Each structure stands twice: as structure tokens, then as C-alpha cells.
All heavy atoms as atom14 arrays in JSON, in Angstrom:
{
  "sequence": "GVRSLTTTLAPRQTEEGLSWYKGTADAIYANIDFLD",
  "atom14_mask": [
    [1, 1, 1, 1, 0, 0, 0, 0, 0, 0, 0, 0, 0, 0],
    [1, 1, 1, 1, 1, 1, 1, 0, 0, 0, 0, 0, 0, 0],
    [1, 1, 1, 1, 1, 1, 1, 1, 1, 1, 1, 0, 0, 0],
    [1, 1, 1, 1, 1, 1, 0, 0, 0, 0, 0, 0, 0, 0],
    [1, 1, 1, 1, 1, 1, 1, 1, 0, 0, 0, 0, 0, 0],
    [1, 1, 1, 1, 1, 1, 1, 0, 0, 0, 0, 0, 0, 0],
    [1, 1, 1, 1, 1, 1, 1, 0, 0, 0, 0, 0, 0, 0],
    [1, 1, 1, 1, 1, 1, 1, 0, 0, 0, 0, 0, 0, 0],
    [1, 1, 1, 1, 1, 1, 1, 1, 0, 0, 0, 0, 0, 0],
    [1, 1, 1, 1, 1, 0, 0, 0, 0, 0, 0, 0, 0, 0],
    [1, 1, 1, 1, 1, 1, 1, 0, 0, 0, 0, 0, 0, 0],
    [1, 1, 1, 1, 1, 1, 1, 1, 1, 1, 1, 0, 0, 0],
    [1, 1, 1, 1, 1, 1, 1, 1, 1, 0, 0, 0, 0, 0],
    [1, 1, 1, 1, 1, 1, 1, 0, 0, 0, 0, 0, 0, 0],
    [1, 1, 1, 1, 1, 1, 1, 1, 1, 0, 0, 0, 0, 0],
    [1, 1, 1, 1, 1, 1, 1, 1, 1, 0, 0, 0, 0, 0],
    [1, 1, 1, 1, 0, 0, 0, 0, 0, 0, 0, 0, 0, 0],
    [1, 1, 1, 1, 1, 1, 1, 1, 0, 0, 0, 0, 0, 0],
    [1, 1, 1, 1, 1, 1, 0, 0, 0, 0, 0, 0, 0, 0],
    [1, 1, 1, 1, 1, 1, 1, 1, 1, 1, 1, 1, 1, 1],
    [1, 1, 1, 1, 1, 1, 1, 1, 1, 1, 1, 1, 0, 0],
    [1, 1, 1, 1, 1, 1, 1, 1, 1, 0, 0, 0, 0, 0],
    [1, 1, 1, 1, 0, 0, 0, 0, 0, 0, 0, 0, 0, 0],
    [1, 1, 1, 1, 1, 1, 1, 0, 0, 0, 0, 0, 0, 0],
    [1, 1, 1, 1, 1, 0, 0, 0, 0, 0, 0, 0, 0, 0],
    [1, 1, 1, 1, 1, 1, 1, 1, 0, 0, 0, 0, 0, 0],
    [1, 1, 1, 1, 1, 0, 0, 0, 0, 0, 0, 0, 0, 0],
    [1, 1, 1, 1, 1, 1, 1, 1, 0, 0, 0, 0, 0, 0],
    [1, 1, 1, 1, 1, 1, 1, 1, 1, 1, 1, 1, 0, 0],
    [1, 1, 1, 1, 1, 0, 0, 0, 0, 0, 0, 0, 0, 0],
    [1, 1, 1, 1, 1, 1, 1, 1, 0, 0, 0, 0, 0, 0],
    [1, 1, 1, 1, 1, 1, 1, 1, 0, 0, 0, 0, 0, 0],
    [1, 1, 1, 1, 1, 1, 1, 1, 0, 0, 0, 0, 0, 0],
    [1, 1, 1, 1, 1, 1, 1, 1, 1, 1, 1, 0, 0, 0],
    [1, 1, 1, 1, 1, 1, 1, 1, 0, 0, 0, 0, 0, 0],
    [1, 1, 1, 1, 1, 1, 1, 1, 0, 0, 0, 0, 0, 0]
  ],
  "atom14_positions": [
    [[26.1, -21.27, 42.19], [26.11, -20.07, 43.03], [25.7, -18.83, 42.3], [25.18, -18.86, 41.18], [0.0, 0.0, 0.0], [0.0, 0.0, 0.0], [0.0, 0.0, 0.0], [0.0, 0.0, 0.0], [0.0, 0.0, 0.0], [0.0, 0.0, 0.0], [0.0, 0.0, 0.0], [0.0, 0.0, 0.0], [0.0, 0.0, 0.0], [0.0, 0.0, 0.0]],
    [[25.94, -17.66, 42.94], [25.46, -16.42, 42.43], [26.14, -16.09, 41.07], [25.51, -15.62, 40.14], [25.74, -15.32, 43.42], [25.35, -13.95, 42.84], [24.96, -15.55, 44.72], [0.0, 0.0, 0.0], [0.0, 0.0, 0.0], [0.0, 0.0, 0.0], [0.0, 0.0, 0.0], [0.0, 0.0, 0.0], [0.0, 0.0, 0.0], [0.0, 0.0, 0.0]],
    [[27.41, -16.46, 40.96], [28.15, -16.04, 39.76], [28.43, -17.17, 38.81], [29.14, -16.99, 37.81], [29.51, -15.41, 40.19], [29.33, -14.14, 41.02], [30.67, -13.56, 41.42], [30.49, -12.34, 42.23], [31.5, -11.67, 42.76], [32.75, -12.09, 42.54], [31.28, -10.6, 43.46], [0.0, 0.0, 0.0], [0.0, 0.0, 0.0], [0.0, 0.0, 0.0]],
    [[27.93, -18.35, 39.02], [28.17, -19.47, 38.14], [26.95, -20.38, 38.12], [26.11, -20.38, 39.01], [29.41, -20.22, 38.53], [29.27, -20.77, 39.82], [0.0, 0.0, 0.0], [0.0, 0.0, 0.0], [0.0, 0.0, 0.0], [0.0, 0.0, 0.0], [0.0, 0.0, 0.0], [0.0, 0.0, 0.0], [0.0, 0.0, 0.0], [0.0, 0.0, 0.0]],
    [[26.91, -21.23, 37.05], [25.72, -22.08, 36.87], [26.1, -23.28, 36.07], [26.78, -23.21, 35.06], [24.62, -21.31, 36.14], [23.43, -22.14, 35.6], [22.59, -22.64, 36.77], [22.61, -21.31, 34.62], [0.0, 0.0, 0.0], [0.0, 0.0, 0.0], [0.0, 0.0, 0.0], [0.0, 0.0, 0.0], [0.0, 0.0, 0.0], [0.0, 0.0, 0.0]],
    [[25.7, -24.47, 36.54], [25.74, -25.68, 35.71], [24.31, -26.16, 35.59], [23.62, -26.3, 36.58], [26.59, -26.77, 36.34], [27.95, -26.33, 36.44], [26.54, -28.05, 35.49], [0.0, 0.0, 0.0], [0.0, 0.0, 0.0], [0.0, 0.0, 0.0], [0.0, 0.0, 0.0], [0.0, 0.0, 0.0], [0.0, 0.0, 0.0], [0.0, 0.0, 0.0]],
    [[23.86, -26.38, 34.36], [22.49, -26.86, 34.19], [22.45, -28.0, 33.18], [23.27, -28.04, 32.25], [21.57, -25.71, 33.67], [20.24, -26.17, 33.6], [22.01, -25.23, 32.3], [0.0, 0.0, 0.0], [0.0, 0.0, 0.0], [0.0, 0.0, 0.0], [0.0, 0.0, 0.0], [0.0, 0.0, 0.0], [0.0, 0.0, 0.0], [0.0, 0.0, 0.0]],
    [[21.64, -28.99, 33.44], [21.48, -30.1, 32.54], [20.32, -29.83, 31.6], [19.29, -29.32, 32.02], [21.22, -31.42, 33.31], [20.14, -31.25, 34.21], [22.47, -31.86, 34.09], [0.0, 0.0, 0.0], [0.0, 0.0, 0.0], [0.0, 0.0, 0.0], [0.0, 0.0, 0.0], [0.0, 0.0, 0.0], [0.0, 0.0, 0.0], [0.0, 0.0, 0.0]],
    [[20.54, -30.11, 30.3], [19.58, -29.78, 29.26], [19.14, -31.03, 28.55], [19.91, -31.71, 27.91], [20.19, -28.76, 28.27], [20.7, -27.47, 28.89], [21.6, -26.74, 27.91], [19.54, -26.6, 29.33], [0.0, 0.0, 0.0], [0.0, 0.0, 0.0], [0.0, 0.0, 0.0], [0.0, 0.0, 0.0], [0.0, 0.0, 0.0], [0.0, 0.0, 0.0]],
    [[17.87, -31.39, 28.71], [17.34, -32.57, 28.1], [16.73, -32.26, 26.71], [16.54, -31.1, 26.36], [16.21, -33.16, 28.95], [0.0, 0.0, 0.0], [0.0, 0.0, 0.0], [0.0, 0.0, 0.0], [0.0, 0.0, 0.0], [0.0, 0.0, 0.0], [0.0, 0.0, 0.0], [0.0, 0.0, 0.0], [0.0, 0.0, 0.0], [0.0, 0.0, 0.0]],
    [[16.48, -33.32, 25.89], [15.9, -33.08, 24.56], [14.52, -32.42, 24.65], [13.9, -32.43, 25.72], [15.77, -34.51, 23.96], [16.82, -35.31, 24.7], [16.84, -34.73, 26.08], [0.0, 0.0, 0.0], [0.0, 0.0, 0.0], [0.0, 0.0, 0.0], [0.0, 0.0, 0.0], [0.0, 0.0, 0.0], [0.0, 0.0, 0.0], [0.0, 0.0, 0.0]],
    [[14.03, -31.9, 23.52], [12.77, -31.23, 23.47], [11.61, -32.19, 23.85], [11.65, -33.33, 23.54], [12.48, -30.72, 22.07], [13.59, -30.04, 21.33], [13.16, -29.78, 19.9], [14.21, -29.26, 19.08], [15.04, -30.04, 18.35], [14.95, -31.34, 18.44], [15.97, -29.51, 17.58], [0.0, 0.0, 0.0], [0.0, 0.0, 0.0], [0.0, 0.0, 0.0]],
    [[10.65, -31.62, 24.52], [9.44, -32.4, 24.86], [8.35, -31.92, 23.91], [7.99, -30.76, 23.88], [9.01, -32.18, 26.32], [7.83, -32.96, 26.76], [8.19, -34.43, 27.02], [9.2, -34.75, 27.61], [7.34, -35.34, 26.51], [0.0, 0.0, 0.0], [0.0, 0.0, 0.0], [0.0, 0.0, 0.0], [0.0, 0.0, 0.0], [0.0, 0.0, 0.0]],
    [[7.82, -32.87, 23.13], [6.71, -32.55, 22.22], [5.47, -33.33, 22.62], [5.5, -34.16, 23.51], [7.09, -32.9, 20.75], [7.18, -34.32, 20.62], [8.43, -32.24, 20.38], [0.0, 0.0, 0.0], [0.0, 0.0, 0.0], [0.0, 0.0, 0.0], [0.0, 0.0, 0.0], [0.0, 0.0, 0.0], [0.0, 0.0, 0.0], [0.0, 0.0, 0.0]],
    [[4.37, -33.11, 21.87], [3.12, -33.84, 22.15], [3.34, -35.35, 21.93], [2.66, -36.18, 22.54], [2.0, -33.33, 21.28], [1.56, -31.9, 21.63], [0.41, -31.4, 20.78], [0.0, -32.18, 19.91], [-0.02, -30.26, 20.99], [0.0, 0.0, 0.0], [0.0, 0.0, 0.0], [0.0, 0.0, 0.0], [0.0, 0.0, 0.0], [0.0, 0.0, 0.0]],
    [[4.23, -35.69, 21.01], [4.48, -37.05, 20.7], [5.49, -37.7, 21.69], [5.72, -38.9, 21.66], [5.01, -37.22, 19.26], [3.99, -36.93, 18.2], [3.75, -35.4, 18.05], [4.68, -34.63, 18.37], [2.63, -35.02, 17.63], [0.0, 0.0, 0.0], [0.0, 0.0, 0.0], [0.0, 0.0, 0.0], [0.0, 0.0, 0.0], [0.0, 0.0, 0.0]],
    [[6.12, -36.9, 22.48], [7.13, -37.39, 23.43], [8.44, -36.66, 23.23], [8.49, -35.55, 22.71], [0.0, 0.0, 0.0], [0.0, 0.0, 0.0], [0.0, 0.0, 0.0], [0.0, 0.0, 0.0], [0.0, 0.0, 0.0], [0.0, 0.0, 0.0], [0.0, 0.0, 0.0], [0.0, 0.0, 0.0], [0.0, 0.0, 0.0], [0.0, 0.0, 0.0]],
    [[9.54, -37.27, 23.66], [10.84, -36.65, 23.55], [11.29, -36.66, 22.09], [11.11, -37.64, 21.4], [11.88, -37.37, 24.42], [11.79, -37.22, 25.91], [12.83, -38.06, 26.61], [11.97, -35.74, 26.3], [0.0, 0.0, 0.0], [0.0, 0.0, 0.0], [0.0, 0.0, 0.0], [0.0, 0.0, 0.0], [0.0, 0.0, 0.0], [0.0, 0.0, 0.0]],
    [[11.87, -35.54, 21.69], [12.43, -35.43, 20.33], [13.94, -35.52, 20.43], [14.6, -34.59, 20.85], [12.03, -34.09, 19.68], [12.57, -33.96, 18.41], [0.0, 0.0, 0.0], [0.0, 0.0, 0.0], [0.0, 0.0, 0.0], [0.0, 0.0, 0.0], [0.0, 0.0, 0.0], [0.0, 0.0, 0.0], [0.0, 0.0, 0.0], [0.0, 0.0, 0.0]],
    [[14.49, -36.72, 20.09], [15.9, -36.95, 20.28], [16.74, -35.98, 19.42], [16.34, -35.66, 18.28], [16.26, -38.4, 19.94], [15.63, -39.42, 20.79], [14.77, -40.43, 20.39], [15.75, -39.57, 22.23], [14.38, -41.19, 21.48], [14.97, -40.66, 22.6], [16.47, -38.88, 23.22], [14.86, -41.1, 23.92], [16.37, -39.28, 24.54], [15.58, -40.39, 24.88]],
    [[17.91, -35.65, 19.87], [18.81, -34.81, 19.06], [19.19, -35.6, 17.77], [19.51, -36.76, 17.87], [20.08, -34.46, 19.86], [19.81, -33.66, 21.11], [20.48, -33.96, 22.29], [18.95, -32.6, 21.11], [20.28, -33.23, 23.45], [18.69, -31.87, 22.22], [19.38, -32.16, 23.43], [19.18, -31.42, 24.55], [0.0, 0.0, 0.0], [0.0, 0.0, 0.0]],
    [[19.19, -34.94, 16.69], [19.49, -35.56, 15.43], [20.99, -35.62, 15.13], [21.43, -36.37, 14.29], [18.78, -34.82, 14.26], [17.29, -34.8, 14.39], [16.62, -33.88, 13.38], [15.14, -33.75, 13.6], [14.54, -32.77, 12.64], [0.0, 0.0, 0.0], [0.0, 0.0, 0.0], [0.0, 0.0, 0.0], [0.0, 0.0, 0.0], [0.0, 0.0, 0.0]],
    [[21.75, -34.81, 15.77], [23.19, -34.74, 15.63], [23.79, -33.75, 16.59], [23.09, -33.09, 17.33], [0.0, 0.0, 0.0], [0.0, 0.0, 0.0], [0.0, 0.0, 0.0], [0.0, 0.0, 0.0], [0.0, 0.0, 0.0], [0.0, 0.0, 0.0], [0.0, 0.0, 0.0], [0.0, 0.0, 0.0], [0.0, 0.0, 0.0], [0.0, 0.0, 0.0]],
    [[25.1, -33.6, 16.56], [25.75, -32.69, 17.5], [25.3, -31.2, 17.3], [25.07, -30.52, 18.29], [27.28, -32.79, 17.35], [27.65, -32.57, 15.98], [27.77, -34.16, 17.8], [0.0, 0.0, 0.0], [0.0, 0.0, 0.0], [0.0, 0.0, 0.0], [0.0, 0.0, 0.0], [0.0, 0.0, 0.0], [0.0, 0.0, 0.0], [0.0, 0.0, 0.0]],
    [[25.19, -30.84, 16.06], [24.75, -29.46, 15.81], [23.28, -29.26, 16.2], [22.9, -28.21, 16.74], [24.97, -29.09, 14.33], [0.0, 0.0, 0.0], [0.0, 0.0, 0.0], [0.0, 0.0, 0.0], [0.0, 0.0, 0.0], [0.0, 0.0, 0.0], [0.0, 0.0, 0.0], [0.0, 0.0, 0.0], [0.0, 0.0, 0.0], [0.0, 0.0, 0.0]],
    [[22.48, -30.25, 15.93], [21.08, -30.16, 16.31], [20.91, -30.03, 17.83], [19.99, -29.39, 18.31], [20.3, -31.38, 15.8], [18.78, -31.29, 16.16], [18.12, -30.36, 15.65], [18.31, -32.18, 16.9], [0.0, 0.0, 0.0], [0.0, 0.0, 0.0], [0.0, 0.0, 0.0], [0.0, 0.0, 0.0], [0.0, 0.0, 0.0], [0.0, 0.0, 0.0]],
    [[21.78, -30.71, 18.57], [21.69, -30.64, 20.04], [21.92, -29.2, 20.51], [21.23, -28.72, 21.44], [22.75, -31.56, 20.67], [0.0, 0.0, 0.0], [0.0, 0.0, 0.0], [0.0, 0.0, 0.0], [0.0, 0.0, 0.0], [0.0, 0.0, 0.0], [0.0, 0.0, 0.0], [0.0, 0.0, 0.0], [0.0, 0.0, 0.0], [0.0, 0.0, 0.0]],
    [[22.83, -28.51, 19.88], [23.03, -27.06, 20.24], [21.9, -26.22, 19.76], [21.38, -25.34, 20.45], [24.42, -26.57, 19.68], [25.55, -27.46, 20.16], [24.65, -25.13, 20.08], [25.75, -27.48, 21.65], [0.0, 0.0, 0.0], [0.0, 0.0, 0.0], [0.0, 0.0, 0.0], [0.0, 0.0, 0.0], [0.0, 0.0, 0.0], [0.0, 0.0, 0.0]],
    [[21.44, -26.48, 18.55], [20.31, -25.75, 17.98], [19.08, -25.85, 18.83], [18.36, -24.88, 19.06], [20.04, -26.22, 16.54], [18.76, -25.66, 15.95], [18.69, -24.36, 15.51], [17.62, -26.5, 15.85], [17.5, -23.86, 14.99], [16.46, -25.99, 15.32], [16.4, -24.7, 14.87], [15.24, -24.18, 14.36], [0.0, 0.0, 0.0], [0.0, 0.0, 0.0]],
    [[18.84, -27.01, 19.38], [17.65, -27.27, 20.2], [17.7, -26.47, 21.51], [16.67, -26.26, 22.15], [17.54, -28.75, 20.55], [0.0, 0.0, 0.0], [0.0, 0.0, 0.0], [0.0, 0.0, 0.0], [0.0, 0.0, 0.0], [0.0, 0.0, 0.0], [0.0, 0.0, 0.0], [0.0, 0.0, 0.0], [0.0, 0.0, 0.0], [0.0, 0.0, 0.0]],
    [[18.91, -26.01, 21.84], [19.05, -25.22, 23.08], [19.5, -23.78, 22.81], [20.09, -23.13, 23.64], [20.08, -25.91, 24.01], [19.57, -27.24, 24.54], [18.76, -27.27, 25.48], [20.03, -28.34, 23.96], [0.0, 0.0, 0.0], [0.0, 0.0, 0.0], [0.0, 0.0, 0.0], [0.0, 0.0, 0.0], [0.0, 0.0, 0.0], [0.0, 0.0, 0.0]],
    [[19.08, -23.32, 21.66], [19.51, -21.98, 21.24], [18.84, -20.89, 22.11], [19.42, -19.83, 22.35], [19.17, -21.73, 19.72], [20.1, -20.69, 19.18], [17.71, -21.46, 19.47], [20.11, -20.63, 17.66], [0.0, 0.0, 0.0], [0.0, 0.0, 0.0], [0.0, 0.0, 0.0], [0.0, 0.0, 0.0], [0.0, 0.0, 0.0], [0.0, 0.0, 0.0]],
    [[17.65, -21.19, 22.66], [17.0, -20.26, 23.57], [17.84, -20.06, 24.83], [17.95, -18.94, 25.34], [15.62, -20.7, 23.93], [14.64, -20.58, 22.77], [14.99, -19.89, 21.78], [13.54, -21.19, 22.81], [0.0, 0.0, 0.0], [0.0, 0.0, 0.0], [0.0, 0.0, 0.0], [0.0, 0.0, 0.0], [0.0, 0.0, 0.0], [0.0, 0.0, 0.0]],
    [[18.42, -21.16, 25.32], [19.27, -21.11, 26.47], [20.48, -20.19, 26.21], [20.82, -19.37, 26.99], [19.75, -22.51, 26.88], [20.8, -22.56, 27.93], [20.53, -22.33, 29.25], [22.13, -22.81, 27.56], [21.52, -22.38, 30.25], [23.13, -22.85, 28.51], [22.84, -22.63, 29.84], [0.0, 0.0, 0.0], [0.0, 0.0, 0.0], [0.0, 0.0, 0.0]],
    [[21.1, -20.37, 25.02], [22.24, -19.56, 24.67], [21.84, -18.11, 24.49], [22.59, -17.2, 24.86], [22.88, -20.14, 23.41], [23.66, -21.42, 23.55], [24.11, -21.98, 22.23], [24.87, -21.24, 24.46], [0.0, 0.0, 0.0], [0.0, 0.0, 0.0], [0.0, 0.0, 0.0], [0.0, 0.0, 0.0], [0.0, 0.0, 0.0], [0.0, 0.0, 0.0]],
    [[20.69, -17.87, 23.89], [20.23, -16.5, 23.68], [20.07, -15.8, 25.05], [20.38, -14.61, 25.18], [18.93, -16.48, 22.92], [19.1, -16.73, 21.41], [20.27, -16.63, 20.95], [18.1, -17.02, 20.75], [0.0, 0.0, 0.0], [0.0, 0.0, 0.0], [0.0, 0.0, 0.0], [0.0, 0.0, 0.0], [0.0, 0.0, 0.0], [0.0, 0.0, 0.0]]
  ]
}
């Protein structure tokens, strides 16, 4: 809704394909733009 949001965040897409998360911290790091 207007005041809330749930979004699903998939791994990075590169020219070689999906780049799987390397660990729990990397999963958050890969979505740092979303947090910013």
C-alpha cells in the first residue's frame, strides 16, 4: 500500500547469468542500493 511495501529481491543478473549470494552478508551487500 501507500505506507508499506514488501518486495522480493533476487540475486544479481550479470552477463554470465545469475550471481548467487556468497553468504548471508553478501546477500545484504548485493542489495545495498535498495537499502540506500
